[in-house]
């Protein structure tokens, strides 16, 4: 009987000690250990926790020995503190208000309006987790973690954006030399969404292949304006397309960040507002369906695009890895599109110059650290 009790005690002793070790890693003790550390050191603790969570079905059920704190910590508290610091969130969204200066047309097909079209608009850009990013990491002997395999995410935008429209012009008095098939920008409710495959390039950059589907819905299809002595009315060409038109894009982009790539993926905001972005690809826009007034055009739906974005605020005042992203950014961008073919009648190219300021709208819901 005594031997049975001794055997039982020997079996239970490891679990008793393990239980004692885990229970000692309380939220209070974790905060006490991590609070004096620098932002970078707390971020390193977060990286250690989420790396283990990527291979553990119960990420809150284990602890992680953090160096240089020299103590075990509660993983859930580390993640909570990162949310309070602004270095971790599972979904990101940025609201951008901007001024757009647009110019469209060519020598053969002049724009409906002379000079730049100026508009004040806004949208929200959003992006999900980067699935598979942490599961494909590699840690060297020096303890540095590198990410070199593709991961998957999805995202898009929603808001009001200047979309290119082909217009027929009429004048209340006088005559127009070329009244039909004139390009101009019109405000449209815009949305798009699609998957992305992201490939790390180096510690501060990644390349992305993506495919989007979306829709532009004209706010007001009929536009009236004065040009010289003429009072003009612009109406979209008749090609069987109403106010709403779908479009699809496939393309590739490269982003460069001020913080390390792992933080851009964890805080989401840095990924949505990089220091520099360049993109290009193919666009099929049903707004220019080859029908009716556009039936003689050469594949008018098929377009190519080029876009770039520079965050002037992040160039002048870069964020250090471990620090939270700035509450607002000031950005400059170019959005250019043109037809694929150059022969026959076609929808001409168009350029938008964009100056905007982005704000992390999810910061309003960020938890506050306890006093």
Foldseek 3Di string as FASTA:
>chain_A
DVVVVVVVCVVCVVVVVVVVQVVVQDLVVQCVLPVVDDLQQLVVLLLQLVLVVLVDVDSQPDWDQGPPSRGIHGNVSSQLVCLQQLLFDFKFKKKKKKKKWKAWDDPVAHAPAPGTDIDIWMKMKMKGFFPPQSVQWDADPVRDIDTFAKTKIKIKMWIKDWDKFFWFKDWPDDDDPDRGGHIDTAIWTKIKMWMKIWGDDDFFKIKIKIKMKMKTAGPDQWDWDDDVPTTMIIHGADFPDDRMWMKMWTKMKMFGALETPVSCNGSVPCVVPGQKMKMKTKMFICSQPCGHVNVQPDSQRIKIKIKMKHFPCCVVPNDYHSGHDDQKTWMKMKIKMAHPDDDGDYGGIMMMIMIMMMGGPCVVVRDHDDD
